[in-house]
Amino acid sequence: MAKWFSWTAVIAWMALIFYLSHQPATVSSELSSEVTEVIIEIIETVAPNTQFEFGNLNHLVRKNAHFFAYLVLGLLTINALRRSGSTGYRSIGVALVICILYAITDEVHQLFIPGRSGEVRDVLIDTAGASVGIGLYWLFSRLRQKVA
């Protein structure tokens, strides 16, 4: 049951990434602008004298969205592989390959969406996020083994 749930979570997360990538540029930009505005409101509340440019912050929000979406995908994928019986460095490599291939297909998919483009830089950001997620999973697994 845990194996089935783990793979369902991977597929559901991939579907969410696909859904967000399938939005035309205007819709995607509007969503990231709304997130950026919320962040600005929070920053202005905490540090009212802070000055920054909206465009730079919005770009940072968009790139961090890539990183964190794939960090979660990396965590979910390595977890599903481990629950399926894959162990050791092989599971780490397979999880990373799955995430990289999905990142590549996601960027190719965006080539067919109005106003969107496929970026090698985004694949690299996605790969970095997946690597961190897989690394965190491995680290916490090791720590848990030492405690047990």
C-alpha atoms as a PDB file:
ATOM      1  CA  MET A   1       0.000   0.000   0.000  1.00  0.00           C
ATOM      2  CA  ALA A   2       2.818   2.432   0.874  1.00  0.00           C
ATOM      3  CA  LYS A   3       4.494   1.696  -2.464  1.00  0.00           C
ATOM      4  CA  TRP A   4       1.293   2.433  -4.389  1.00  0.00           C
ATOM      5  CA  PHE A   5       0.687   5.661  -2.450  1.00  0.00           C
ATOM      6  CA  SER A   6       4.298   6.781  -2.979  1.00  0.00           C
ATOM      7  CA  TRP A   7       4.129   6.367  -6.751  1.00  0.00           C
ATOM      8  CA  THR A   8       0.703   8.029  -6.827  1.00  0.00           C
ATOM      9  CA  ALA A   9       2.244  11.036  -5.073  1.00  0.00           C
ATOM     10  CA  VAL A  10       5.046  11.181  -7.693  1.00  0.00           C
ATOM     11  CA  ILE A  11       2.556  11.058 -10.572  1.00  0.00           C
ATOM     12  CA  ALA A  12       0.252  13.622  -8.932  1.00  0.00           C
ATOM     13  CA  TRP A  13       3.193  16.005  -8.412  1.00  0.00           C
ATOM     14  CA  MET A  14       4.289  15.535 -12.020  1.00  0.00           C
ATOM     15  CA  ALA A  15       0.712  16.290 -13.098  1.00  0.00           C
ATOM     16  CA  LEU A  16       0.756  19.516 -11.057  1.00  0.00           C
ATOM     17  CA  ILE A  17       4.044  20.549 -12.694  1.00  0.00           C
ATOM     18  CA  PHE A  18       2.546  19.738 -16.118  1.00  0.00           C
ATOM     19  CA  TYR A  19      -0.589  21.758 -15.319  1.00  0.00           C
ATOM     20  CA  LEU A  20       1.444  24.798 -14.267  1.00  0.00           C
ATOM     21  CA  SER A  21       3.710  24.469 -17.314  1.00  0.00           C
ATOM     22  CA  HIS A  22       0.705  24.215 -19.618  1.00  0.00           C
ATOM     23  CA  GLN A  23      -0.520  27.685 -18.692  1.00  0.00           C
ATOM     24  CA  PRO A  24       0.059  30.354 -21.343  1.00  0.00           C
ATOM     25  CA  ALA A  25       2.705  32.951 -20.486  1.00  0.00           C
ATOM     26  CA  THR A  26       0.120  35.572 -19.518  1.00  0.00           C
ATOM     27  CA  VAL A  27      -1.544  33.272 -16.966  1.00  0.00           C
ATOM     28  CA  SER A  28       1.787  32.030 -15.601  1.00  0.00           C
ATOM     29  CA  SER A  29       3.105  35.574 -15.298  1.00  0.00           C
ATOM     30  CA  GLU A  30      -0.059  36.698 -13.516  1.00  0.00           C
ATOM     31  CA  LEU A  31       0.256  33.866 -10.982  1.00  0.00           C
ATOM     32  CA  SER A  32       3.909  34.605 -10.230  1.00  0.00           C
ATOM     33  CA  SER A  33       3.130  38.334  -9.994  1.00  0.00           C
ATOM     34  CA  GLU A  34       0.445  37.601  -7.395  1.00  0.00           C
ATOM     35  CA  VAL A  35       2.914  35.511  -5.376  1.00  0.00           C
ATOM     36  CA  THR A  36       5.510  38.279  -5.680  1.00  0.00           C
ATOM     37  CA  GLU A  37       2.987  40.875  -4.441  1.00  0.00           C
ATOM     38  CA  VAL A  38       2.250  38.741  -1.360  1.00  0.00           C
ATOM     39  CA  ILE A  39       5.978  38.470  -0.670  1.00  0.00           C
ATOM     40  CA  ILE A  40       6.352  42.246  -1.054  1.00  0.00           C
ATOM     41  CA  GLU A  41       3.527  42.837   1.437  1.00  0.00           C
ATOM     42  CA  ILE A  42       5.214  40.525   3.942  1.00  0.00           C
ATOM     43  CA  ILE A  43       8.610  42.185   3.465  1.00  0.00           C
ATOM     44  CA  GLU A  44       7.095  45.660   3.813  1.00  0.00           C
ATOM     45  CA  THR A  45       5.412  44.597   7.051  1.00  0.00           C
ATOM     46  CA  VAL A  46       8.593  43.124   8.524  1.00  0.00           C
ATOM     47  CA  ALA A  47      11.094  45.622   7.093  1.00  0.00           C
ATOM     48  CA  PRO A  48       9.201  48.725   5.900  1.00  0.00           C
ATOM     49  CA  ASN A  49      12.283  50.581   4.617  1.00  0.00           C
ATOM     50  CA  THR A  50      13.450  47.776   2.325  1.00  0.00           C
ATOM     51  CA  GLN A  51      13.657  48.730  -1.326  1.00  0.00           C
ATOM     52  CA  PHE A  52      13.790  46.351  -4.269  1.00  0.00           C
ATOM     53  CA  GLU A  53      12.655  46.154  -7.847  1.00  0.00           C
ATOM     54  CA  PHE A  54       9.479  44.169  -8.583  1.00  0.00           C
ATOM     55  CA  GLY A  55      10.876  42.678 -11.805  1.00  0.00           C
ATOM     56  CA  ASN A  56      13.984  41.291 -10.102  1.00  0.00           C
ATOM     57  CA  LEU A  57      11.967  39.815  -7.243  1.00  0.00           C
ATOM     58  CA  ASN A  58       9.418  38.333  -9.653  1.00  0.00           C
ATOM     59  CA  HIS A  59      12.224  36.678 -11.636  1.00  0.00           C
ATOM     60  CA  LEU A  60      13.626  35.250  -8.402  1.00  0.00           C
ATOM     61  CA  VAL A  61      10.180  33.921  -7.430  1.00  0.00           C
ATOM     62  CA  ARG A  62       9.775  32.215 -10.823  1.00  0.00           C
ATOM     63  CA  LYS A  63      13.193  30.532 -10.671  1.00  0.00           C
ATOM     64  CA  ASN A  64      12.702  29.459  -7.056  1.00  0.00           C
ATOM     65  CA  ALA A  65       9.391  27.902  -8.055  1.00  0.00           C
ATOM     66  CA  HIS A  66      11.340  25.660 -10.444  1.00  0.00           C
ATOM     67  CA  PHE A  67      13.855  24.762  -7.754  1.00  0.00           C
ATOM     68  CA  PHE A  68      11.301  23.921  -5.055  1.00  0.00           C
ATOM     69  CA  ALA A  69       8.913  22.071  -7.388  1.00  0.00           C
ATOM     70  CA  TYR A  70      11.736  19.736  -8.372  1.00  0.00           C
ATOM     71  CA  LEU A  71      13.077  19.518  -4.813  1.00  0.00           C
ATOM     72  CA  VAL A  72       9.694  18.022  -3.894  1.00  0.00           C
ATOM     73  CA  LEU A  73       9.735  15.797  -6.988  1.00  0.00           C
ATOM     74  CA  GLY A  74      13.178  14.517  -6.000  1.00  0.00           C
ATOM     75  CA  LEU A  75      11.987  13.727  -2.464  1.00  0.00           C
ATOM     76  CA  LEU A  76       8.866  11.958  -3.710  1.00  0.00           C
ATOM     77  CA  THR A  77      10.743   9.985  -6.370  1.00  0.00           C
ATOM     78  CA  ILE A  78      13.522   8.696  -4.103  1.00  0.00           C
ATOM     79  CA  ASN A  79      10.909   7.809  -1.491  1.00  0.00           C
ATOM     80  CA  ALA A  80       8.858   5.841  -4.047  1.00  0.00           C
ATOM     81  CA  LEU A  81      11.952   4.023  -5.281  1.00  0.00           C
ATOM     82  CA  ARG A  82      13.024   3.124  -1.748  1.00  0.00           C
ATOM     83  CA  ARG A  83       9.522   1.892  -0.887  1.00  0.00           C
ATOM     84  CA  SER A  84       9.670  -0.214  -4.060  1.00  0.00           C
ATOM     85  CA  GLY A  85      12.795  -1.974  -2.802  1.00  0.00           C
ATOM     86  CA  SER A  86      15.498  -0.001  -4.593  1.00  0.00           C
ATOM     87  CA  THR A  87      18.416   0.743  -2.294  1.00  0.00           C
ATOM     88  CA  GLY A  88      21.840   2.341  -2.242  1.00  0.00           C
ATOM     89  CA  TYR A  89      23.354   4.687  -4.733  1.00  0.00           C
ATOM     90  CA  ARG A  90      21.434   3.050  -7.563  1.00  0.00           C
ATOM     91  CA  SER A  91      18.163   4.446  -6.217  1.00  0.00           C
ATOM     92  CA  ILE A  92      19.734   7.900  -5.973  1.00  0.00           C
ATOM     93  CA  GLY A  93      20.895   7.724  -9.585  1.00  0.00           C
ATOM     94  CA  VAL A  94      17.572   6.426 -10.872  1.00  0.00           C
ATOM     95  CA  ALA A  95      15.655   9.118  -8.962  1.00  0.00           C
ATOM     96  CA  LEU A  96      17.898  11.826 -10.390  1.00  0.00           C
ATOM     97  CA  VAL A  97      17.555  10.473 -13.946  1.00  0.00           C
ATOM     98  CA  ILE A  98      13.748  10.388 -13.619  1.00  0.00           C
ATOM     99  CA  CYS A  99      13.713  13.997 -12.415  1.00  0.00           C
ATOM    100  CA  ILE A 100      16.107  15.223 -15.114  1.00  0.00           C
ATOM    101  CA  LEU A 101      14.161  13.486 -17.872  1.00  0.00           C
ATOM    102  CA  TYR A 102      10.933  14.971 -16.573  1.00  0.00           C
ATOM    103  CA  ALA A 103      12.534  18.436 -16.430  1.00  0.00           C
ATOM    104  CA  ILE A 104      13.672  18.091 -20.051  1.00  0.00           C
ATOM    105  CA  THR A 105      10.239  16.927 -21.233  1.00  0.00           C
ATOM    106  CA  ASP A 106       8.635  19.763 -19.259  1.00  0.00           C
ATOM    107  CA  GLU A 107      10.781  22.352 -21.032  1.00  0.00           C
ATOM    108  CA  VAL A 108      10.084  20.762 -24.443  1.00  0.00           C
ATOM    109  CA  HIS A 109       6.369  20.808 -23.585  1.00  0.00           C
ATOM    110  CA  GLN A 110       6.586  24.547 -22.896  1.00  0.00           C
ATOM    111  CA  LEU A 111       7.809  25.140 -26.465  1.00  0.00           C
ATOM    112  CA  PHE A 112       4.243  24.414 -27.598  1.00  0.00           C
ATOM    113  CA  ILE A 113       2.537  26.752 -25.116  1.00  0.00           C
ATOM    114  CA  PRO A 114       1.750  30.324 -26.267  1.00  0.00           C
ATOM    115  CA  GLY A 115       4.354  32.772 -25.007  1.00  0.00           C
ATOM    116  CA  ARG A 116       6.394  30.106 -23.199  1.00  0.00           C
ATOM    117  CA  SER A 117       9.847  28.812 -24.055  1.00  0.00           C
ATOM    118  CA  GLY A 118      12.019  25.857 -23.176  1.00  0.00           C
ATOM    119  CA  GLU A 119      15.145  26.890 -21.295  1.00  0.00           C
ATOM    120  CA  VAL A 120      18.260  24.809 -20.619  1.00  0.00           C
ATOM    121  CA  ARG A 121      18.844  27.060 -17.605  1.00  0.00           C
ATOM    122  CA  ASP A 122      15.499  25.926 -16.160  1.00  0.00           C
ATOM    123  CA  VAL A 123      16.473  22.266 -16.601  1.00  0.00           C
ATOM    124  CA  LEU A 124      19.656  23.027 -14.633  1.00  0.00           C
ATOM    125  CA  ILE A 125      17.645  24.757 -11.886  1.00  0.00           C
ATOM    126  CA  ASP A 126      15.209  21.821 -11.824  1.00  0.00           C
ATOM    127  CA  THR A 127      18.123  19.385 -11.603  1.00  0.00           C
ATOM    128  CA  ALA A 128      19.639  21.337  -8.729  1.00  0.00           C
ATOM    129  CA  GLY A 129      16.307  21.255  -6.885  1.00  0.00           C
ATOM    130  CA  ALA A 130      15.863  17.523  -7.453  1.00  0.00           C
ATOM    131  CA  SER A 131      19.446  16.896  -6.316  1.00  0.00           C
ATOM    132  CA  VAL A 132      18.858  18.809  -3.093  1.00  0.00           C
ATOM    133  CA  GLY A 133      15.610  16.918  -2.465  1.00  0.00           C
ATOM    134  CA  ILE A 134      17.268  13.551  -3.064  1.00  0.00           C
ATOM    135  CA  GLY A 135      20.228  14.596  -0.930  1.00  0.00           C
ATOM    136  CA  LEU A 136      17.977  15.666   1.936  1.00  0.00           C
ATOM    137  CA  TYR A 137      16.139  12.353   1.782  1.00  0.00           C
ATOM    138  CA  TRP A 138      19.447  10.460   1.847  1.00  0.00           C
ATOM    139  CA  LEU A 139      20.772  12.595   4.715  1.00  0.00           C
ATOM    140  CA  PHE A 140      17.685  12.137   6.884  1.00  0.00           C
ATOM    141  CA  SER A 141      17.639   8.407   6.118  1.00  0.00           C
ATOM    142  CA  ARG A 142      21.244   8.125   7.289  1.00  0.00           C
ATOM    143  CA  LEU A 143      20.528  10.120  10.444  1.00  0.00           C
ATOM    144  CA  ARG A 144      17.495   7.971  11.175  1.00  0.00           C
ATOM    145  CA  GLN A 145      19.568   4.792  10.775  1.00  0.00           C
ATOM    146  CA  LYS A 146      22.158   6.104  13.259  1.00  0.00           C
ATOM    147  CA  VAL A 147      19.481   6.958  15.813  1.00  0.00           C
ATOM    148  CA  ALA A 148      17.752   3.570  15.496  1.00  0.00           C
END
